[in-house]
Amino acid sequence: MSKQIIRPAGVVNSPAYSHAVKKTGTPVFISGQIALDASGNLVGEGDAARQADQVFRNLQTVVEACGGSLADVVKLTVFTTDLAYRPAIGEARGRYFTAGEMPGSTFVVVSSLAEPRFLVEVEAVAMID
């Protein structure tokens, strides 16, 4: 199974995301993950860095339950309630995804998530054989 990272000339390139990822497999659409642990407890209330880490840990767990790995993720959509959280979210993402192999990514700041204590939510698309 091959994965091709697309970084075309003519658009600015960033180490934080890929413009496109081309991969064979079956698409798996992963619901937005939030910072709840397996017991339903919020991890990192008021702390975007701790919440982001838990969100990516949950994402990894879901992808692995589907028979894949984070290397199979081709697209992330990150939702946060404050642009100031962007560095902490990016740092957490960098611990879970390999530089140079980043999925396509969209970063969105919203006025609120489903519950006011949630600071970060991430949904994903993975291509898994």
N, C-alpha and C. Protein backbone atom coordinates (compact mmCIF):
# COMPACT_ATOMS: atom_id res chain seq x y z
N MET A 1 0.86 -1.15 0.00
CA MET A 1 0.00 0.00 0.00
C MET A 1 0.91 1.22 0.00
N SER A 2 0.74 2.07 -0.97
CA SER A 2 1.62 3.23 -1.07
C SER A 2 0.87 4.50 -0.66
N LYS A 3 1.66 5.43 -0.16
CA LYS A 3 1.11 6.73 0.21
C LYS A 3 1.98 7.78 -0.46
N GLN A 4 1.33 8.70 -1.16
CA GLN A 4 2.05 9.75 -1.86
C GLN A 4 1.66 11.09 -1.25
N ILE A 5 2.68 11.82 -0.76
CA ILE A 5 2.47 13.16 -0.24
C ILE A 5 2.59 14.13 -1.40
N ILE A 6 1.59 14.97 -1.60
CA ILE A 6 1.56 15.91 -2.72
C ILE A 6 1.93 17.30 -2.21
N ARG A 7 3.03 17.84 -2.74
CA ARG A 7 3.48 19.20 -2.41
C ARG A 7 3.79 19.91 -3.72
N PRO A 8 2.79 20.41 -4.41
CA PRO A 8 3.01 21.00 -5.74
C PRO A 8 3.74 22.33 -5.69
N ALA A 9 4.49 22.58 -6.75
CA ALA A 9 5.09 23.90 -6.93
C ALA A 9 3.95 24.89 -7.17
N GLY A 10 4.15 26.12 -6.81
CA GLY A 10 3.12 27.12 -7.06
C GLY A 10 2.23 27.41 -5.87
N VAL A 11 2.36 26.61 -4.80
CA VAL A 11 1.66 26.91 -3.54
C VAL A 11 2.69 26.83 -2.43
N VAL A 12 2.49 27.62 -1.41
CA VAL A 12 3.43 27.62 -0.29
C VAL A 12 3.35 26.27 0.42
N ASN A 13 4.48 25.71 0.78
CA ASN A 13 4.51 24.43 1.47
C ASN A 13 4.84 24.63 2.94
N SER A 14 4.28 23.79 3.77
CA SER A 14 4.45 23.87 5.22
C SER A 14 4.81 22.52 5.78
N PRO A 15 5.68 22.47 6.77
CA PRO A 15 5.95 21.19 7.42
C PRO A 15 4.79 20.73 8.30
N ALA A 16 3.82 21.60 8.56
CA ALA A 16 2.72 21.29 9.47
C ALA A 16 1.60 20.47 8.82
N TYR A 17 1.54 20.46 7.48
CA TYR A 17 0.49 19.70 6.80
C TYR A 17 0.94 19.45 5.37
N SER A 18 0.26 18.50 4.71
CA SER A 18 0.47 18.24 3.29
C SER A 18 -0.71 18.80 2.53
N HIS A 19 -0.47 19.31 1.31
CA HIS A 19 -1.59 19.83 0.53
C HIS A 19 -2.55 18.72 0.13
N ALA A 20 -1.99 17.55 -0.13
CA ALA A 20 -2.82 16.40 -0.46
C ALA A 20 -2.06 15.13 -0.12
N VAL A 21 -2.82 14.09 0.17
CA VAL A 21 -2.25 12.77 0.42
C VAL A 21 -3.04 11.79 -0.44
N LYS A 22 -2.33 11.02 -1.25
CA LYS A 22 -2.96 10.05 -2.13
C LYS A 22 -2.58 8.66 -1.64
N LYS A 23 -3.60 7.83 -1.36
CA LYS A 23 -3.35 6.52 -0.78
C LYS A 23 -4.47 5.58 -1.18
N THR A 24 -4.13 4.35 -1.41
CA THR A 24 -5.15 3.35 -1.71
C THR A 24 -5.71 2.80 -0.41
N GLY A 25 -6.87 2.20 -0.48
CA GLY A 25 -7.49 1.60 0.69
C GLY A 25 -8.96 1.99 0.77
N THR A 26 -9.56 1.64 1.88
CA THR A 26 -10.96 1.94 2.13
C THR A 26 -11.04 3.18 3.01
N PRO A 27 -11.81 4.19 2.61
CA PRO A 27 -11.90 5.37 3.47
C PRO A 27 -12.65 5.06 4.76
N VAL A 28 -12.09 5.56 5.85
CA VAL A 28 -12.71 5.44 7.17
C VAL A 28 -12.89 6.87 7.68
N PHE A 29 -14.11 7.25 7.99
CA PHE A 29 -14.43 8.60 8.44
C PHE A 29 -14.57 8.56 9.96
N ILE A 30 -13.67 9.26 10.63
CA ILE A 30 -13.59 9.19 12.09
C ILE A 30 -14.22 10.43 12.69
N SER A 31 -15.19 10.22 13.54
CA SER A 31 -15.90 11.31 14.20
C SER A 31 -14.95 12.17 15.01
N GLY A 32 -15.37 13.39 15.26
CA GLY A 32 -14.57 14.30 16.06
C GLY A 32 -14.25 13.70 17.42
N GLN A 33 -12.97 13.67 17.74
CA GLN A 33 -12.51 13.15 19.02
C GLN A 33 -12.30 14.32 19.97
N ILE A 34 -12.72 14.11 21.21
CA ILE A 34 -12.60 15.13 22.24
C ILE A 34 -11.74 14.58 23.38
N ALA A 35 -11.49 15.38 24.38
CA ALA A 35 -10.54 15.03 25.44
C ALA A 35 -11.17 14.25 26.59
N LEU A 36 -12.02 13.29 26.26
CA LEU A 36 -12.55 12.40 27.30
C LEU A 36 -11.72 11.13 27.33
N ASP A 37 -11.40 10.64 28.54
CA ASP A 37 -10.68 9.38 28.64
C ASP A 37 -11.68 8.23 28.53
N ALA A 38 -11.18 7.01 28.63
CA ALA A 38 -12.02 5.82 28.45
C ALA A 38 -13.16 5.74 29.47
N SER A 39 -13.01 6.41 30.60
CA SER A 39 -14.06 6.42 31.63
C SER A 39 -15.03 7.58 31.47
N GLY A 40 -14.81 8.42 30.45
CA GLY A 40 -15.70 9.55 30.22
C GLY A 40 -15.33 10.80 30.99
N ASN A 41 -14.13 10.80 31.59
CA ASN A 41 -13.67 11.98 32.34
C ASN A 41 -12.93 12.94 31.41
N LEU A 42 -13.16 14.23 31.57
CA LEU A 42 -12.46 15.24 30.80
C LEU A 42 -11.01 15.31 31.27
N VAL A 43 -10.08 15.20 30.33
CA VAL A 43 -8.66 15.32 30.62
C VAL A 43 -8.24 16.75 30.32
N GLY A 44 -7.65 17.43 31.29
CA GLY A 44 -7.10 18.76 31.05
C GLY A 44 -8.10 19.88 31.01
N GLU A 45 -9.02 19.92 31.95
CA GLU A 45 -9.98 21.03 31.95
C GLU A 45 -9.24 22.36 31.98
N GLY A 46 -9.54 23.24 31.00
CA GLY A 46 -8.90 24.53 30.91
C GLY A 46 -7.50 24.51 30.35
N ASP A 47 -7.01 23.36 29.94
CA ASP A 47 -5.63 23.19 29.47
C ASP A 47 -5.63 22.62 28.05
N ALA A 48 -5.44 23.48 27.06
CA ALA A 48 -5.51 23.05 25.66
C ALA A 48 -4.45 22.02 25.32
N ALA A 49 -3.25 22.14 25.91
CA ALA A 49 -2.18 21.19 25.60
C ALA A 49 -2.54 19.78 26.06
N ARG A 50 -3.04 19.65 27.28
CA ARG A 50 -3.44 18.33 27.79
C ARG A 50 -4.64 17.79 27.02
N GLN A 51 -5.59 18.68 26.69
CA GLN A 51 -6.74 18.22 25.92
C GLN A 51 -6.31 17.74 24.54
N ALA A 52 -5.44 18.50 23.89
CA ALA A 52 -4.98 18.10 22.55
C ALA A 52 -4.29 16.74 22.59
N ASP A 53 -3.45 16.52 23.59
CA ASP A 53 -2.78 15.22 23.70
C ASP A 53 -3.80 14.10 23.84
N GLN A 54 -4.81 14.27 24.67
CA GLN A 54 -5.83 13.25 24.84
C GLN A 54 -6.63 13.05 23.56
N VAL A 55 -6.92 14.12 22.85
CA VAL A 55 -7.65 14.02 21.58
C VAL A 55 -6.88 13.17 20.58
N PHE A 56 -5.58 13.44 20.42
CA PHE A 56 -4.78 12.65 19.47
C PHE A 56 -4.59 11.22 19.95
N ARG A 57 -4.52 11.01 21.25
CA ARG A 57 -4.45 9.64 21.79
C ARG A 57 -5.74 8.90 21.45
N ASN A 58 -6.89 9.57 21.62
CA ASN A 58 -8.17 8.95 21.27
C ASN A 58 -8.24 8.65 19.77
N LEU A 59 -7.78 9.58 18.96
CA LEU A 59 -7.77 9.37 17.51
C LEU A 59 -6.94 8.15 17.16
N GLN A 60 -5.77 8.03 17.76
CA GLN A 60 -4.91 6.87 17.51
C GLN A 60 -5.62 5.57 17.90
N THR A 61 -6.29 5.58 19.03
CA THR A 61 -7.03 4.39 19.50
C THR A 61 -8.10 3.99 18.51
N VAL A 62 -8.85 4.96 18.00
CA VAL A 62 -9.93 4.67 17.05
C VAL A 62 -9.36 4.13 15.73
N VAL A 63 -8.32 4.76 15.21
CA VAL A 63 -7.71 4.30 13.95
C VAL A 63 -7.20 2.87 14.12
N GLU A 64 -6.55 2.59 15.23
CA GLU A 64 -6.04 1.24 15.47
C GLU A 64 -7.18 0.23 15.61
N ALA A 65 -8.30 0.63 16.20
CA ALA A 65 -9.46 -0.26 16.31
C ALA A 65 -10.04 -0.59 14.94
N CYS A 66 -9.77 0.28 13.96
CA CYS A 66 -10.22 0.06 12.58
C CYS A 66 -9.22 -0.78 11.78
N GLY A 67 -8.12 -1.17 12.41
CA GLY A 67 -7.12 -1.98 11.73
C GLY A 67 -6.02 -1.18 11.07
N GLY A 68 -5.91 0.10 11.40
CA GLY A 68 -4.89 0.94 10.79
C GLY A 68 -3.97 1.56 11.81
N SER A 69 -3.26 2.58 11.36
CA SER A 69 -2.38 3.35 12.24
C SER A 69 -2.50 4.82 11.84
N LEU A 70 -1.87 5.67 12.61
CA LEU A 70 -1.93 7.10 12.27
C LEU A 70 -1.30 7.39 10.91
N ALA A 71 -0.42 6.52 10.44
CA ALA A 71 0.16 6.68 9.10
C ALA A 71 -0.90 6.56 8.01
N ASP A 72 -2.05 5.98 8.33
CA ASP A 72 -3.14 5.83 7.37
C ASP A 72 -4.05 7.06 7.31
N VAL A 73 -3.89 7.99 8.23
CA VAL A 73 -4.71 9.21 8.25
C VAL A 73 -4.27 10.11 7.11
N VAL A 74 -5.22 10.50 6.27
CA VAL A 74 -4.91 11.35 5.13
C VAL A 74 -5.46 12.77 5.29
N LYS A 75 -6.38 12.99 6.24
CA LYS A 75 -6.99 14.31 6.41
C LYS A 75 -7.42 14.51 7.85
N LEU A 76 -7.05 15.65 8.41
CA LEU A 76 -7.49 16.06 9.74
C LEU A 76 -8.28 17.36 9.62
N THR A 77 -9.31 17.50 10.44
CA THR A 77 -9.94 18.78 10.63
C THR A 77 -9.89 19.05 12.13
N VAL A 78 -9.21 20.14 12.48
CA VAL A 78 -9.02 20.51 13.88
C VAL A 78 -9.93 21.68 14.19
N PHE A 79 -10.71 21.53 15.25
CA PHE A 79 -11.58 22.60 15.73
C PHE A 79 -11.08 23.02 17.10
N THR A 80 -11.01 24.32 17.33
CA THR A 80 -10.64 24.84 18.64
C THR A 80 -11.45 26.09 18.93
N THR A 81 -11.49 26.44 20.19
CA THR A 81 -12.28 27.60 20.59
C THR A 81 -11.45 28.88 20.73
N ASP A 82 -10.13 28.78 20.50
CA ASP A 82 -9.28 29.97 20.61
C ASP A 82 -8.03 29.79 19.78
N LEU A 83 -7.72 30.76 18.93
CA LEU A 83 -6.52 30.70 18.10
C LEU A 83 -5.25 30.60 18.94
N ALA A 84 -5.29 31.09 20.15
CA ALA A 84 -4.13 31.03 21.03
C ALA A 84 -3.73 29.59 21.36
N TYR A 85 -4.63 28.63 21.15
CA TYR A 85 -4.33 27.22 21.43
C TYR A 85 -3.57 26.55 20.29
N ARG A 86 -3.43 27.24 19.18
CA ARG A 86 -2.81 26.62 17.99
C ARG A 86 -1.42 26.02 18.26
N PRO A 87 -0.51 26.72 18.93
CA PRO A 87 0.81 26.11 19.18
C PRO A 87 0.73 24.82 20.00
N ALA A 88 -0.09 24.80 21.03
CA ALA A 88 -0.22 23.61 21.86
C ALA A 88 -0.80 22.44 21.06
N ILE A 89 -1.78 22.73 20.23
CA ILE A 89 -2.38 21.68 19.40
C ILE A 89 -1.37 21.17 18.39
N GLY A 90 -0.63 22.09 17.76
CA GLY A 90 0.39 21.69 16.80
C GLY A 90 1.48 20.85 17.43
N GLU A 91 1.87 21.18 18.64
CA GLU A 91 2.89 20.40 19.34
C GLU A 91 2.39 18.99 19.62
N ALA A 92 1.15 18.88 20.08
CA ALA A 92 0.58 17.55 20.34
C ALA A 92 0.49 16.75 19.04
N ARG A 93 0.01 17.39 17.99
CA ARG A 93 -0.09 16.70 16.69
C ARG A 93 1.27 16.20 16.25
N GLY A 94 2.31 16.99 16.46
CA GLY A 94 3.66 16.61 16.08
C GLY A 94 4.19 15.39 16.82
N ARG A 95 3.66 15.12 18.01
CA ARG A 95 4.06 13.91 18.75
C ARG A 95 3.41 12.65 18.17
N TYR A 96 2.32 12.82 17.45
CA TYR A 96 1.58 11.67 16.93
C TYR A 96 1.77 11.44 15.43
N PHE A 97 2.15 12.48 14.70
CA PHE A 97 2.33 12.37 13.25
C PHE A 97 3.77 12.70 12.89
N THR A 98 4.31 11.97 11.91
CA THR A 98 5.70 12.11 11.49
C THR A 98 5.89 13.31 10.58
N ALA A 99 6.88 14.13 10.88
CA ALA A 99 7.21 15.28 10.02
C ALA A 99 7.51 14.78 8.62
N GLY A 100 7.04 15.52 7.62
CA GLY A 100 7.23 15.13 6.23
C GLY A 100 6.15 14.18 5.73
N GLU A 101 5.39 13.61 6.64
CA GLU A 101 4.31 12.69 6.30
C GLU A 101 2.98 13.18 6.88
N MET A 102 2.90 14.47 7.10
CA MET A 102 1.69 15.03 7.72
C MET A 102 0.48 14.85 6.80
N PRO A 103 -0.68 14.56 7.39
CA PRO A 103 -1.89 14.50 6.58
C PRO A 103 -2.31 15.89 6.12
N GLY A 104 -3.23 15.93 5.16
CA GLY A 104 -3.87 17.19 4.84
C GLY A 104 -4.57 17.68 6.11
N SER A 105 -4.69 18.99 6.28
CA SER A 105 -5.22 19.49 7.54
C SER A 105 -5.94 20.82 7.34
N THR A 106 -7.02 20.97 8.08
CA THR A 106 -7.74 22.23 8.15
C THR A 106 -7.87 22.59 9.63
N PHE A 107 -7.59 23.85 9.96
CA PHE A 107 -7.65 24.34 11.34
C PHE A 107 -8.75 25.38 11.42
N VAL A 108 -9.74 25.16 12.29
CA VAL A 108 -10.91 26.02 12.36
C VAL A 108 -11.11 26.51 13.80
N VAL A 109 -11.30 27.81 13.96
CA VAL A 109 -11.63 28.38 15.26
C VAL A 109 -13.13 28.63 15.30
N VAL A 110 -13.78 28.09 16.33
CA VAL A 110 -15.23 28.19 16.48
C VAL A 110 -15.56 28.86 17.81
N SER A 111 -16.78 29.35 17.93
CA SER A 111 -17.16 30.02 19.17
C SER A 111 -17.36 29.03 20.32
N SER A 112 -17.73 27.80 20.00
CA SER A 112 -17.94 26.79 21.04
C SER A 112 -17.95 25.41 20.40
N LEU A 113 -17.56 24.43 21.18
CA LEU A 113 -17.73 23.03 20.78
C LEU A 113 -18.98 22.50 21.47
N ALA A 114 -19.25 21.22 21.38
CA ALA A 114 -20.50 20.66 21.89
C ALA A 114 -20.70 20.88 23.39
N GLU A 115 -19.60 21.01 24.10
CA GLU A 115 -19.64 21.25 25.55
C GLU A 115 -18.64 22.35 25.85
N PRO A 116 -19.00 23.36 26.59
CA PRO A 116 -18.11 24.51 26.79
C PRO A 116 -16.72 24.18 27.35
N ARG A 117 -16.58 23.08 28.07
CA ARG A 117 -15.27 22.72 28.64
C ARG A 117 -14.33 22.14 27.59
N PHE A 118 -14.86 21.72 26.43
CA PHE A 118 -14.02 21.17 25.36
C PHE A 118 -13.33 22.32 24.64
N LEU A 119 -12.01 22.25 24.53
CA LEU A 119 -11.23 23.29 23.86
C LEU A 119 -10.75 22.86 22.49
N VAL A 120 -10.72 21.54 22.25
CA VAL A 120 -10.17 20.97 21.02
C VAL A 120 -11.00 19.77 20.60
N GLU A 121 -11.24 19.67 19.29
CA GLU A 121 -11.88 18.48 18.71
C GLU A 121 -11.22 18.23 17.36
N VAL A 122 -10.96 16.97 17.07
CA VAL A 122 -10.30 16.61 15.81
C VAL A 122 -11.05 15.46 15.16
N GLU A 123 -11.44 15.66 13.89
CA GLU A 123 -12.01 14.58 13.09
C GLU A 123 -10.99 14.21 12.01
N ALA A 124 -11.13 13.00 11.47
CA ALA A 124 -10.12 12.53 10.53
C ALA A 124 -10.74 11.63 9.46
N VAL A 125 -9.98 11.51 8.36
CA VAL A 125 -10.27 10.51 7.33
C VAL A 125 -9.00 9.68 7.19
N ALA A 126 -9.16 8.37 7.24
CA ALA A 126 -8.04 7.46 7.06
C ALA A 126 -8.35 6.54 5.89
N MET A 127 -7.32 6.07 5.22
CA MET A 127 -7.46 5.08 4.15
C MET A 127 -6.80 3.80 4.65
N ILE A 128 -7.64 2.79 4.93
CA ILE A 128 -7.15 1.56 5.57
C ILE A 128 -7.49 0.37 4.69
N ASP A 129 -6.49 -0.47 4.44
CA ASP A 129 -6.72 -1.71 3.68
C ASP A 129 -7.44 -2.73 4.53
